Amino acid sequence: MSNIFWISLHARSIGTRIQEQGYRGLMLHVDALDTGRHVSHMTIIEFIRAFADDTPVAVVITDTVLESPGPTILYANPAFGALTGRDCTTIVGLTPRFMQGRETRRATLDAFHQALAANKPFHGFLSNYRPDGTRYRVEIDCRPLLSASGKVEHFIAFEREVVRRLGRPALSRAGRYVPAHVSNALLTDALRSMNVFHSNETDQMT
């Protein structure tokens, strides 16, 4: 059983083909809602906004155009605005590349690009920059958003600022960092069920 998180507003069998692919993704199946008077529809972005606007974890959704100048940000929650030092309403339409700077590692960016190009998740750490030039390290857990048919429709990233661990040597590469503000204890039950920020052997470092 793969770590696919299913969200359905109208229960129905979608099949097992996506489960058999064995990679960690998010399948969001947003069906029509019968209100009794008319049938209304909700987009994936509208659905995610309903729970992401208030989470302390930075959440950003992009399209799937990976080549420059893409991808394009389609949604960013207030926590993402606070993390990047920008008003989240001004971020939509930009590319996440605006956060990169002199010490953003090319090797990590390449690994990020390769994972998304293969429709696979990415978990790693990058050095990014705020508008005032402040450098910060960010933990990124990025995953493909799948349609009911299994097609990758968008990418969603969960992000939080991290700092170097002090004291005892880390037992793993990911253990070199600890959350700066948003600890695992502050993650919502939904994020925990998706194993957001769960480290693995493919983690990429700054």
N, C-alpha and C. Protein backbone atom coordinates (compact mmCIF):
# COMPACT_ATOMS: atom_id res chain seq x y z
N MET A 1 0.85 -1.20 0.00
CA MET A 1 0.00 0.00 0.00
C MET A 1 0.88 1.24 0.00
N SER A 2 0.72 2.09 -0.97
CA SER A 2 1.53 3.30 -1.04
C SER A 2 0.97 4.38 -0.15
N ASN A 3 1.77 5.42 0.08
CA ASN A 3 1.35 6.52 0.93
C ASN A 3 0.56 7.55 0.14
N ILE A 4 -0.53 7.14 -0.47
CA ILE A 4 -1.40 8.07 -1.18
C ILE A 4 -2.50 8.51 -0.23
N PHE A 5 -2.71 9.78 -0.14
CA PHE A 5 -3.72 10.34 0.74
C PHE A 5 -4.96 10.63 -0.08
N TRP A 6 -6.06 9.99 0.23
CA TRP A 6 -7.28 10.11 -0.56
C TRP A 6 -8.22 11.12 0.09
N ILE A 7 -8.73 12.03 -0.69
CA ILE A 7 -9.75 12.97 -0.22
C ILE A 7 -10.90 12.88 -1.20
N SER A 8 -12.06 12.52 -0.73
CA SER A 8 -13.21 12.41 -1.63
C SER A 8 -14.40 13.09 -0.99
N LEU A 9 -15.04 13.97 -1.76
CA LEU A 9 -16.24 14.62 -1.28
C LEU A 9 -17.49 13.84 -1.68
N HIS A 10 -17.29 12.79 -2.45
CA HIS A 10 -18.41 11.95 -2.85
C HIS A 10 -17.83 10.57 -3.07
N ALA A 11 -18.17 9.64 -2.19
CA ALA A 11 -17.50 8.34 -2.22
C ALA A 11 -17.85 7.57 -3.48
N ARG A 12 -16.83 7.03 -4.10
CA ARG A 12 -17.01 6.11 -5.21
C ARG A 12 -15.68 5.38 -5.43
N SER A 13 -15.73 4.27 -6.09
CA SER A 13 -14.52 3.50 -6.34
C SER A 13 -13.77 4.11 -7.51
N ILE A 14 -12.50 4.44 -7.28
CA ILE A 14 -11.67 5.02 -8.33
C ILE A 14 -10.75 3.96 -8.92
N GLY A 15 -10.54 2.86 -8.21
CA GLY A 15 -9.68 1.81 -8.73
C GLY A 15 -8.35 1.76 -8.00
N THR A 16 -7.51 0.83 -8.39
CA THR A 16 -6.27 0.60 -7.67
C THR A 16 -5.03 0.89 -8.50
N ARG A 17 -5.18 1.35 -9.74
CA ARG A 17 -4.03 1.52 -10.61
C ARG A 17 -3.01 2.47 -10.02
N ILE A 18 -3.48 3.58 -9.42
CA ILE A 18 -2.55 4.56 -8.85
C ILE A 18 -1.84 3.98 -7.64
N GLN A 19 -2.56 3.19 -6.83
CA GLN A 19 -1.93 2.58 -5.67
C GLN A 19 -0.80 1.66 -6.09
N GLU A 20 -0.96 0.97 -7.20
CA GLU A 20 0.04 0.02 -7.63
C GLU A 20 1.30 0.69 -8.15
N GLN A 21 1.26 2.01 -8.42
CA GLN A 21 2.44 2.69 -8.91
C GLN A 21 3.49 2.84 -7.82
N GLY A 22 3.07 2.81 -6.54
CA GLY A 22 4.01 2.73 -5.45
C GLY A 22 4.75 4.00 -5.12
N TYR A 23 4.29 5.19 -5.58
CA TYR A 23 4.97 6.40 -5.17
C TYR A 23 4.02 7.27 -4.36
N ARG A 24 4.63 8.11 -3.57
CA ARG A 24 3.88 8.93 -2.64
C ARG A 24 3.31 10.15 -3.36
N GLY A 25 2.01 10.24 -3.41
CA GLY A 25 1.37 11.37 -4.07
C GLY A 25 0.08 11.71 -3.36
N LEU A 26 -0.61 12.68 -3.87
CA LEU A 26 -1.89 13.06 -3.29
C LEU A 26 -2.94 12.95 -4.37
N MET A 27 -3.95 12.14 -4.14
CA MET A 27 -5.06 12.06 -5.07
C MET A 27 -6.22 12.83 -4.48
N LEU A 28 -6.61 13.89 -5.10
CA LEU A 28 -7.74 14.68 -4.64
C LEU A 28 -8.88 14.49 -5.62
N HIS A 29 -9.92 13.82 -5.16
CA HIS A 29 -11.09 13.58 -6.00
C HIS A 29 -12.21 14.46 -5.49
N VAL A 30 -12.46 15.55 -6.18
CA VAL A 30 -13.47 16.51 -5.75
C VAL A 30 -14.66 16.39 -6.68
N ASP A 31 -15.71 15.76 -6.20
CA ASP A 31 -16.89 15.51 -7.01
C ASP A 31 -17.90 16.63 -6.89
N ALA A 32 -18.90 16.56 -7.71
CA ALA A 32 -19.99 17.52 -7.63
C ALA A 32 -20.76 17.30 -6.33
N LEU A 33 -21.25 18.36 -5.75
CA LEU A 33 -22.05 18.29 -4.53
C LEU A 33 -23.49 18.58 -4.88
N ASP A 34 -24.40 17.68 -4.52
CA ASP A 34 -25.81 17.88 -4.79
C ASP A 34 -26.42 18.64 -3.63
N THR A 35 -26.74 19.90 -3.84
CA THR A 35 -27.28 20.73 -2.78
C THR A 35 -28.79 20.62 -2.67
N GLY A 36 -29.40 19.88 -3.58
CA GLY A 36 -30.85 19.79 -3.57
C GLY A 36 -31.48 20.73 -4.57
N ARG A 37 -30.80 21.84 -4.86
CA ARG A 37 -31.30 22.82 -5.81
C ARG A 37 -30.49 22.81 -7.10
N HIS A 38 -29.22 22.63 -6.96
CA HIS A 38 -28.36 22.61 -8.12
C HIS A 38 -27.09 21.83 -7.80
N VAL A 39 -26.32 21.52 -8.78
CA VAL A 39 -25.06 20.81 -8.59
C VAL A 39 -23.93 21.80 -8.69
N SER A 40 -23.11 21.87 -7.63
CA SER A 40 -21.99 22.80 -7.60
C SER A 40 -20.69 22.02 -7.69
N HIS A 41 -19.63 22.70 -8.11
CA HIS A 41 -18.34 22.06 -8.28
C HIS A 41 -17.28 22.83 -7.49
N MET A 42 -16.26 22.13 -7.09
CA MET A 42 -15.16 22.74 -6.35
C MET A 42 -13.86 22.30 -6.99
N THR A 43 -12.98 23.25 -7.26
CA THR A 43 -11.69 22.90 -7.82
C THR A 43 -10.78 22.38 -6.71
N ILE A 44 -9.70 21.72 -7.12
CA ILE A 44 -8.73 21.22 -6.16
C ILE A 44 -8.16 22.37 -5.33
N ILE A 45 -7.86 23.48 -5.99
CA ILE A 45 -7.26 24.62 -5.30
C ILE A 45 -8.24 25.20 -4.28
N GLU A 46 -9.52 25.29 -4.64
CA GLU A 46 -10.52 25.79 -3.69
C GLU A 46 -10.64 24.86 -2.49
N PHE A 47 -10.56 23.59 -2.74
CA PHE A 47 -10.66 22.62 -1.66
C PHE A 47 -9.47 22.72 -0.71
N ILE A 48 -8.27 22.80 -1.27
CA ILE A 48 -7.08 22.89 -0.43
C ILE A 48 -7.07 24.20 0.35
N ARG A 49 -7.51 25.28 -0.28
CA ARG A 49 -7.56 26.57 0.41
C ARG A 49 -8.42 26.48 1.68
N ALA A 50 -9.44 25.65 1.65
CA ALA A 50 -10.36 25.54 2.79
C ALA A 50 -9.66 25.07 4.05
N PHE A 51 -8.63 24.22 3.91
CA PHE A 51 -7.92 23.78 5.11
C PHE A 51 -6.53 24.37 5.24
N ALA A 52 -5.97 24.88 4.14
CA ALA A 52 -4.58 25.34 4.18
C ALA A 52 -4.43 26.78 4.61
N ASP A 53 -5.46 27.59 4.46
CA ASP A 53 -5.34 29.00 4.80
C ASP A 53 -4.96 29.21 6.27
N ASP A 54 -5.38 28.31 7.14
CA ASP A 54 -5.15 28.50 8.58
C ASP A 54 -4.03 27.64 9.14
N THR A 55 -3.39 26.81 8.32
CA THR A 55 -2.34 25.95 8.85
C THR A 55 -1.04 26.74 9.00
N PRO A 56 -0.25 26.43 10.04
CA PRO A 56 1.03 27.14 10.23
C PRO A 56 2.10 26.70 9.24
N VAL A 57 1.86 25.61 8.52
CA VAL A 57 2.80 25.13 7.52
C VAL A 57 2.58 25.89 6.21
N ALA A 58 3.66 26.32 5.58
CA ALA A 58 3.55 27.00 4.29
C ALA A 58 3.11 26.00 3.23
N VAL A 59 2.10 26.38 2.46
CA VAL A 59 1.57 25.52 1.41
C VAL A 59 1.52 26.31 0.11
N VAL A 60 2.04 25.72 -0.96
CA VAL A 60 2.03 26.38 -2.27
C VAL A 60 1.69 25.35 -3.32
N ILE A 61 0.86 25.75 -4.28
CA ILE A 61 0.47 24.88 -5.40
C ILE A 61 0.92 25.54 -6.69
N THR A 62 1.51 24.75 -7.58
CA THR A 62 1.94 25.26 -8.87
C THR A 62 1.34 24.42 -9.99
N ASP A 63 1.49 24.92 -11.21
CA ASP A 63 1.15 24.10 -12.36
C ASP A 63 2.28 23.11 -12.61
N THR A 64 2.22 22.38 -13.71
CA THR A 64 3.20 21.33 -13.95
C THR A 64 4.24 21.70 -15.00
N VAL A 65 4.31 22.99 -15.37
CA VAL A 65 5.30 23.44 -16.35
C VAL A 65 6.63 23.66 -15.62
N LEU A 66 7.57 22.75 -15.80
CA LEU A 66 8.80 22.79 -15.03
C LEU A 66 9.90 23.62 -15.68
N GLU A 67 9.87 23.78 -16.98
CA GLU A 67 10.91 24.53 -17.65
C GLU A 67 10.71 26.03 -17.45
N SER A 68 11.83 26.76 -17.35
CA SER A 68 11.79 28.21 -17.13
C SER A 68 10.99 28.89 -18.24
N PRO A 69 10.14 29.86 -17.91
CA PRO A 69 10.03 30.56 -16.62
C PRO A 69 9.10 29.89 -15.61
N GLY A 70 8.57 28.71 -15.93
CA GLY A 70 7.69 28.01 -15.01
C GLY A 70 8.47 27.38 -13.86
N PRO A 71 7.77 26.72 -12.97
CA PRO A 71 6.32 26.61 -12.89
C PRO A 71 5.68 27.89 -12.35
N THR A 72 4.37 27.97 -12.46
CA THR A 72 3.65 29.15 -12.01
C THR A 72 2.88 28.84 -10.73
N ILE A 73 2.98 29.72 -9.76
CA ILE A 73 2.25 29.55 -8.49
C ILE A 73 0.78 29.88 -8.71
N LEU A 74 -0.09 28.94 -8.33
CA LEU A 74 -1.53 29.10 -8.47
C LEU A 74 -2.20 29.39 -7.13
N TYR A 75 -1.55 29.00 -6.05
CA TYR A 75 -2.09 29.25 -4.70
C TYR A 75 -0.94 29.27 -3.71
N ALA A 76 -0.99 30.19 -2.77
CA ALA A 76 -0.04 30.24 -1.65
C ALA A 76 -0.81 30.65 -0.41
N ASN A 77 -0.62 29.94 0.69
CA ASN A 77 -1.36 30.31 1.90
C ASN A 77 -0.61 31.39 2.68
N PRO A 78 -1.26 32.00 3.66
CA PRO A 78 -0.61 33.07 4.42
C PRO A 78 0.72 32.65 5.06
N ALA A 79 0.82 31.40 5.49
CA ALA A 79 2.07 30.94 6.10
C ALA A 79 3.21 30.95 5.07
N PHE A 80 2.89 30.69 3.81
CA PHE A 80 3.92 30.75 2.77
C PHE A 80 4.36 32.20 2.56
N GLY A 81 3.41 33.12 2.62
CA GLY A 81 3.76 34.53 2.52
C GLY A 81 4.68 34.96 3.64
N ALA A 82 4.37 34.52 4.87
CA ALA A 82 5.21 34.87 6.02
C ALA A 82 6.60 34.25 5.88
N LEU A 83 6.66 33.03 5.40
CA LEU A 83 7.95 32.35 5.23
C LEU A 83 8.84 33.08 4.23
N THR A 84 8.26 33.52 3.14
CA THR A 84 9.04 34.14 2.05
C THR A 84 9.17 35.65 2.20
N GLY A 85 8.46 36.24 3.19
CA GLY A 85 8.55 37.68 3.40
C GLY A 85 7.74 38.49 2.39
N ARG A 86 6.68 37.90 1.85
CA ARG A 86 5.84 38.59 0.88
C ARG A 86 4.37 38.43 1.24
N ASP A 87 3.56 39.35 0.74
CA ASP A 87 2.12 39.21 0.86
C ASP A 87 1.71 38.05 -0.03
N CYS A 88 1.01 37.05 0.53
CA CYS A 88 0.69 35.86 -0.24
C CYS A 88 -0.18 36.17 -1.45
N THR A 89 -0.92 37.27 -1.41
CA THR A 89 -1.78 37.63 -2.55
C THR A 89 -0.96 38.12 -3.74
N THR A 90 0.28 38.52 -3.49
CA THR A 90 1.13 39.00 -4.59
C THR A 90 1.99 37.90 -5.19
N ILE A 91 1.95 36.71 -4.58
CA ILE A 91 2.80 35.61 -5.02
C ILE A 91 2.20 34.84 -6.18
N VAL A 92 0.86 34.77 -6.20
CA VAL A 92 0.18 34.03 -7.26
C VAL A 92 0.55 34.62 -8.62
N GLY A 93 0.93 33.75 -9.53
CA GLY A 93 1.35 34.18 -10.86
C GLY A 93 2.86 34.23 -11.02
N LEU A 94 3.59 34.20 -9.89
CA LEU A 94 5.05 34.19 -9.95
C LEU A 94 5.56 32.75 -10.06
N THR A 95 6.83 32.61 -10.28
CA THR A 95 7.48 31.31 -10.24
C THR A 95 8.21 31.16 -8.91
N PRO A 96 8.28 29.97 -8.34
CA PRO A 96 9.03 29.80 -7.09
C PRO A 96 10.50 30.17 -7.22
N ARG A 97 10.98 30.36 -8.43
CA ARG A 97 12.38 30.73 -8.62
C ARG A 97 12.72 32.07 -7.98
N PHE A 98 11.70 32.88 -7.68
CA PHE A 98 11.98 34.20 -7.11
C PHE A 98 12.65 34.10 -5.75
N MET A 99 12.57 32.94 -5.10
CA MET A 99 13.17 32.77 -3.78
C MET A 99 14.64 32.38 -3.84
N GLN A 100 15.12 32.01 -5.01
CA GLN A 100 16.49 31.51 -5.13
C GLN A 100 17.51 32.65 -5.11
N GLY A 101 18.73 32.29 -4.71
CA GLY A 101 19.80 33.29 -4.63
C GLY A 101 21.15 32.64 -4.77
N ARG A 102 22.17 33.38 -4.39
CA ARG A 102 23.56 32.97 -4.61
C ARG A 102 23.90 31.63 -3.97
N GLU A 103 23.35 31.34 -2.79
CA GLU A 103 23.70 30.12 -2.08
C GLU A 103 22.64 29.03 -2.19
N THR A 104 21.74 29.18 -3.16
CA THR A 104 20.79 28.11 -3.43
C THR A 104 21.50 27.06 -4.29
N ARG A 105 21.68 25.87 -3.77
CA ARG A 105 22.50 24.85 -4.44
C ARG A 105 21.87 24.37 -5.74
N ARG A 106 22.66 24.43 -6.81
CA ARG A 106 22.20 23.97 -8.11
C ARG A 106 21.92 22.47 -8.10
N ALA A 107 22.76 21.71 -7.39
CA ALA A 107 22.59 20.26 -7.36
C ALA A 107 21.24 19.87 -6.75
N THR A 108 20.84 20.58 -5.69
CA THR A 108 19.56 20.28 -5.06
C THR A 108 18.41 20.68 -5.96
N LEU A 109 18.53 21.82 -6.64
CA LEU A 109 17.50 22.24 -7.58
C LEU A 109 17.35 21.22 -8.71
N ASP A 110 18.47 20.69 -9.19
CA ASP A 110 18.42 19.70 -10.25
C ASP A 110 17.72 18.42 -9.78
N ALA A 111 18.01 18.01 -8.55
CA ALA A 111 17.36 16.82 -8.00
C ALA A 111 15.86 17.06 -7.83
N PHE A 112 15.50 18.27 -7.43
CA PHE A 112 14.10 18.66 -7.28
C PHE A 112 13.41 18.57 -8.65
N HIS A 113 14.02 19.14 -9.66
CA HIS A 113 13.47 19.14 -11.02
C HIS A 113 13.32 17.71 -11.54
N GLN A 114 14.32 16.87 -11.32
CA GLN A 114 14.28 15.50 -11.82
C GLN A 114 13.16 14.70 -11.17
N ALA A 115 12.95 14.92 -9.87
CA ALA A 115 11.89 14.20 -9.17
C ALA A 115 10.52 14.58 -9.73
N LEU A 116 10.28 15.88 -9.90
CA LEU A 116 8.98 16.32 -10.39
C LEU A 116 8.77 15.91 -11.84
N ALA A 117 9.84 15.95 -12.64
CA ALA A 117 9.73 15.55 -14.04
C ALA A 117 9.33 14.08 -14.15
N ALA A 118 9.71 13.29 -13.16
CA ALA A 118 9.36 11.87 -13.14
C ALA A 118 8.06 11.63 -12.37
N ASN A 119 7.36 12.71 -12.01
CA ASN A 119 6.11 12.62 -11.25
C ASN A 119 6.30 11.92 -9.91
N LYS A 120 7.44 12.20 -9.28
CA LYS A 120 7.75 11.63 -7.98
C LYS A 120 7.82 12.74 -6.93
N PRO A 121 7.67 12.39 -5.67
CA PRO A 121 7.78 13.40 -4.61
C PRO A 121 9.22 13.81 -4.38
N PHE A 122 9.40 14.96 -3.74
CA PHE A 122 10.73 15.45 -3.39
C PHE A 122 10.69 15.91 -1.94
N HIS A 123 11.68 15.49 -1.16
CA HIS A 123 11.84 15.99 0.20
C HIS A 123 13.29 16.41 0.37
N GLY A 124 13.50 17.67 0.69
CA GLY A 124 14.86 18.15 0.82
C GLY A 124 14.93 19.51 1.47
N PHE A 125 16.13 20.11 1.44
CA PHE A 125 16.40 21.36 2.12
C PHE A 125 17.12 22.30 1.17
N LEU A 126 16.69 23.55 1.15
CA LEU A 126 17.27 24.57 0.27
C LEU A 126 17.56 25.84 1.04
N SER A 127 18.50 26.61 0.55
CA SER A 127 18.71 27.98 1.04
C SER A 127 17.97 28.92 0.09
N ASN A 128 17.03 29.67 0.63
CA ASN A 128 16.26 30.65 -0.15
C ASN A 128 16.47 32.04 0.42
N TYR A 129 15.89 33.03 -0.24
CA TYR A 129 16.10 34.42 0.16
C TYR A 129 14.78 35.19 0.20
N ARG A 130 14.70 36.09 1.19
CA ARG A 130 13.56 37.00 1.29
C ARG A 130 13.89 38.29 0.54
N PRO A 131 12.88 39.13 0.28
CA PRO A 131 13.13 40.36 -0.50
C PRO A 131 14.22 41.26 0.07
N ASP A 132 14.41 41.25 1.39
CA ASP A 132 15.43 42.11 1.99
C ASP A 132 16.82 41.49 1.94
N GLY A 133 16.94 40.33 1.29
CA GLY A 133 18.24 39.67 1.16
C GLY A 133 18.54 38.65 2.24
N THR A 134 17.64 38.51 3.22
CA THR A 134 17.86 37.54 4.29
C THR A 134 17.83 36.12 3.75
N ARG A 135 18.86 35.37 4.07
CA ARG A 135 18.90 33.97 3.65
C ARG A 135 18.30 33.10 4.74
N TYR A 136 17.55 32.10 4.33
CA TYR A 136 16.98 31.16 5.29
C TYR A 136 16.98 29.77 4.68
N ARG A 137 17.01 28.77 5.54
CA ARG A 137 16.93 27.39 5.07
C ARG A 137 15.49 26.91 5.20
N VAL A 138 15.05 26.19 4.20
CA VAL A 138 13.67 25.73 4.18
C VAL A 138 13.63 24.23 3.90
N GLU A 139 12.75 23.56 4.61
CA GLU A 139 12.47 22.16 4.35
C GLU A 139 11.29 22.08 3.40
N ILE A 140 11.42 21.30 2.35
CA ILE A 140 10.40 21.22 1.31
C ILE A 140 9.95 19.77 1.15
N ASP A 141 8.64 19.56 1.21
CA ASP A 141 8.04 18.27 0.93
C ASP A 141 7.06 18.51 -0.22
N CYS A 142 7.47 18.19 -1.42
CA CYS A 142 6.68 18.48 -2.62
C CYS A 142 6.17 17.18 -3.24
N ARG A 143 4.90 17.19 -3.65
CA ARG A 143 4.28 15.98 -4.17
C ARG A 143 3.38 16.30 -5.37
N PRO A 144 3.20 15.33 -6.25
CA PRO A 144 2.27 15.54 -7.35
C PRO A 144 0.82 15.44 -6.87
N LEU A 145 -0.04 16.26 -7.45
CA LEU A 145 -1.48 16.17 -7.20
C LEU A 145 -2.09 15.43 -8.38
N LEU A 146 -2.77 14.34 -8.10
CA LEU A 146 -3.29 13.49 -9.15
C LEU A 146 -4.79 13.68 -9.33
N SER A 147 -5.24 13.58 -10.56
CA SER A 147 -6.67 13.56 -10.83
C SER A 147 -7.18 12.15 -10.56
N ALA A 148 -8.49 11.96 -10.65
CA ALA A 148 -9.06 10.64 -10.41
C ALA A 148 -8.55 9.62 -11.41
N SER A 149 -8.14 10.07 -12.59
CA SER A 149 -7.63 9.15 -13.61
C SER A 149 -6.14 8.86 -13.45
N GLY A 150 -5.49 9.56 -12.50
CA GLY A 150 -4.07 9.33 -12.26
C GLY A 150 -3.16 10.31 -12.94
N LYS A 151 -3.71 11.27 -13.65
CA LYS A 151 -2.90 12.29 -14.33
C LYS A 151 -2.42 13.33 -13.33
N VAL A 152 -1.15 13.74 -13.45
CA VAL A 152 -0.62 14.79 -12.58
C VAL A 152 -1.17 16.13 -13.04
N GLU A 153 -1.94 16.77 -12.19
CA GLU A 153 -2.59 18.04 -12.53
C GLU A 153 -1.82 19.25 -11.99
N HIS A 154 -1.24 19.12 -10.80
CA HIS A 154 -0.51 20.20 -10.15
C HIS A 154 0.56 19.59 -9.27
N PHE A 155 1.40 20.46 -8.69
CA PHE A 155 2.32 20.05 -7.64
C PHE A 155 1.97 20.86 -6.39
N ILE A 156 2.04 20.21 -5.24
CA ILE A 156 1.80 20.89 -3.97
C ILE A 156 3.04 20.71 -3.10
N ALA A 157 3.47 21.80 -2.48
CA ALA A 157 4.65 21.76 -1.61
C ALA A 157 4.28 22.24 -0.23
N PHE A 158 4.76 21.53 0.77
CA PHE A 158 4.64 21.93 2.18
C PHE A 158 6.02 22.37 2.61
N GLU A 159 6.13 23.55 3.23
CA GLU A 159 7.44 24.09 3.54
C GLU A 159 7.47 24.69 4.95
N ARG A 160 8.66 24.66 5.57
CA ARG A 160 8.86 25.32 6.85
C ARG A 160 10.33 25.68 6.99
N GLU A 161 10.59 26.74 7.74
CA GLU A 161 11.97 27.17 7.97
C GLU A 161 12.63 26.23 8.97
N VAL A 162 13.91 25.94 8.72
CA VAL A 162 14.69 25.09 9.62
C VAL A 162 16.01 25.77 9.95
N VAL A 163 16.65 25.29 11.02
CA VAL A 163 17.97 25.79 11.42
C VAL A 163 18.87 24.60 11.69
N ARG A 164 20.18 24.85 11.69
CA ARG A 164 21.13 23.79 11.97
C ARG A 164 20.96 23.29 13.41
N ARG A 165 21.02 21.97 13.55
CA ARG A 165 20.93 21.36 14.87
C ARG A 165 22.22 21.64 15.66
N LEU A 166 22.07 21.98 16.91
CA LEU A 166 23.21 22.18 17.80
C LEU A 166 23.36 20.97 18.70
N GLY A 167 24.56 20.72 19.17
CA GLY A 167 24.77 19.63 20.12
C GLY A 167 25.22 18.36 19.45
N ARG A 168 24.57 17.25 19.79
CA ARG A 168 24.99 15.93 19.33
C ARG A 168 24.95 15.82 17.81
N PRO A 169 25.88 15.07 17.22
CA PRO A 169 25.86 14.86 15.77
C PRO A 169 24.56 14.21 15.33
N ALA A 170 24.09 14.58 14.16
CA ALA A 170 22.84 14.02 13.65
C ALA A 170 23.03 12.58 13.23
N LEU A 171 21.97 11.78 13.42
CA LEU A 171 22.02 10.38 13.03
C LEU A 171 21.75 10.20 11.55
N SER A 172 21.17 11.20 10.91
CA SER A 172 20.88 11.14 9.48
C SER A 172 21.12 12.51 8.88
N ARG A 173 21.13 12.57 7.54
CA ARG A 173 21.34 13.85 6.87
C ARG A 173 20.22 14.83 7.22
N ALA A 174 18.97 14.35 7.19
CA ALA A 174 17.85 15.23 7.52
C ALA A 174 17.92 15.69 8.97
N GLY A 175 18.57 14.89 9.83
CA GLY A 175 18.68 15.24 11.23
C GLY A 175 19.61 16.40 11.51
N ARG A 176 20.28 16.90 10.49
CA ARG A 176 21.14 18.07 10.68
C ARG A 176 20.33 19.33 10.95
N TYR A 177 19.03 19.28 10.66
CA TYR A 177 18.18 20.46 10.80
C TYR A 177 17.04 20.19 11.77
N VAL A 178 16.58 21.26 12.41
CA VAL A 178 15.39 21.20 13.25
C VAL A 178 14.49 22.35 12.85
N PRO A 179 13.17 22.20 13.01
CA PRO A 179 12.25 23.29 12.64
C PRO A 179 12.55 24.56 13.44
N ALA A 180 12.50 25.69 12.76
CA ALA A 180 12.74 26.96 13.44
C ALA A 180 11.52 27.42 14.23
N HIS A 181 10.35 27.20 13.67
CA HIS A 181 9.13 27.70 14.31
C HIS A 181 8.02 26.65 14.33
N VAL A 182 7.83 25.96 13.21
CA VAL A 182 6.72 25.02 13.08
C VAL A 182 7.23 23.61 13.35
N SER A 183 7.10 23.18 14.61
CA SER A 183 7.56 21.85 14.98
C SER A 183 6.55 20.80 14.52
N ASN A 184 6.95 19.54 14.58
CA ASN A 184 6.04 18.47 14.21
C ASN A 184 4.79 18.46 15.09
N ALA A 185 4.92 18.95 16.32
CA ALA A 185 3.78 18.97 17.24
C ALA A 185 2.69 19.91 16.75
N LEU A 186 3.04 20.87 15.89
CA LEU A 186 2.06 21.83 15.39
C LEU A 186 1.40 21.38 14.10
N LEU A 187 1.83 20.25 13.55
CA LEU A 187 1.22 19.75 12.33
C LEU A 187 -0.20 19.27 12.61
N THR A 188 -1.08 19.53 11.68
CA THR A 188 -2.46 19.07 11.84
C THR A 188 -2.53 17.56 11.65
N ASP A 189 -3.63 16.98 12.07
CA ASP A 189 -3.81 15.54 11.91
C ASP A 189 -3.74 15.14 10.44
N ALA A 190 -4.29 15.99 9.57
CA ALA A 190 -4.29 15.68 8.14
C ALA A 190 -2.86 15.62 7.61
N LEU A 191 -2.01 16.57 8.03
CA LEU A 191 -0.63 16.59 7.57
C LEU A 191 0.15 15.40 8.13
N ARG A 192 -0.13 15.03 9.37
CA ARG A 192 0.54 13.87 9.95
C ARG A 192 0.16 12.60 9.20
N SER A 193 -1.11 12.49 8.82
CA SER A 193 -1.56 11.29 8.12
C SER A 193 -0.90 11.15 6.76
N MET A 194 -0.45 12.27 6.19
CA MET A 194 0.25 12.24 4.90
C MET A 194 1.76 12.12 5.06
N ASN A 195 2.22 12.00 6.33
CA ASN A 195 3.66 11.90 6.60
C ASN A 195 4.43 13.10 6.03
N VAL A 196 3.84 14.29 6.14
CA VAL A 196 4.51 15.49 5.68
C VAL A 196 5.77 15.71 6.51
N PHE A 197 6.88 16.04 5.82
CA PHE A 197 8.20 16.25 6.41
C PHE A 197 8.79 14.96 6.99
N HIS A 198 8.27 13.82 6.55
CA HIS A 198 8.84 12.55 6.99
C HIS A 198 10.08 12.28 6.17
N SER A 199 11.24 12.20 6.81
CA SER A 199 12.50 12.06 6.09
C SER A 199 12.67 10.66 5.54
N ASN A 200 13.50 10.56 4.50
CA ASN A 200 13.84 9.26 3.92
C ASN A 200 15.24 9.33 3.34
N GLU A 201 15.70 8.26 2.78
CA GLU A 201 17.10 8.18 2.33
C GLU A 201 17.39 9.01 1.08
N THR A 202 16.34 9.53 0.43
CA THR A 202 16.56 10.30 -0.78
C THR A 202 16.55 11.80 -0.50
N ASP A 203 16.54 12.17 0.77
CA ASP A 203 16.53 13.58 1.12
C ASP A 203 17.69 14.31 0.47
N GLN A 204 17.43 15.53 0.02
CA GLN A 204 18.47 16.36 -0.59
C GLN A 204 18.79 17.51 0.34
N MET A 205 20.08 17.78 0.52
CA MET A 205 20.51 18.78 1.47
C MET A 205 20.90 20.08 0.76
N THR A 206 20.99 21.17 1.54
CA THR A 206 21.48 22.42 0.98
C THR A 206 22.96 22.31 0.73
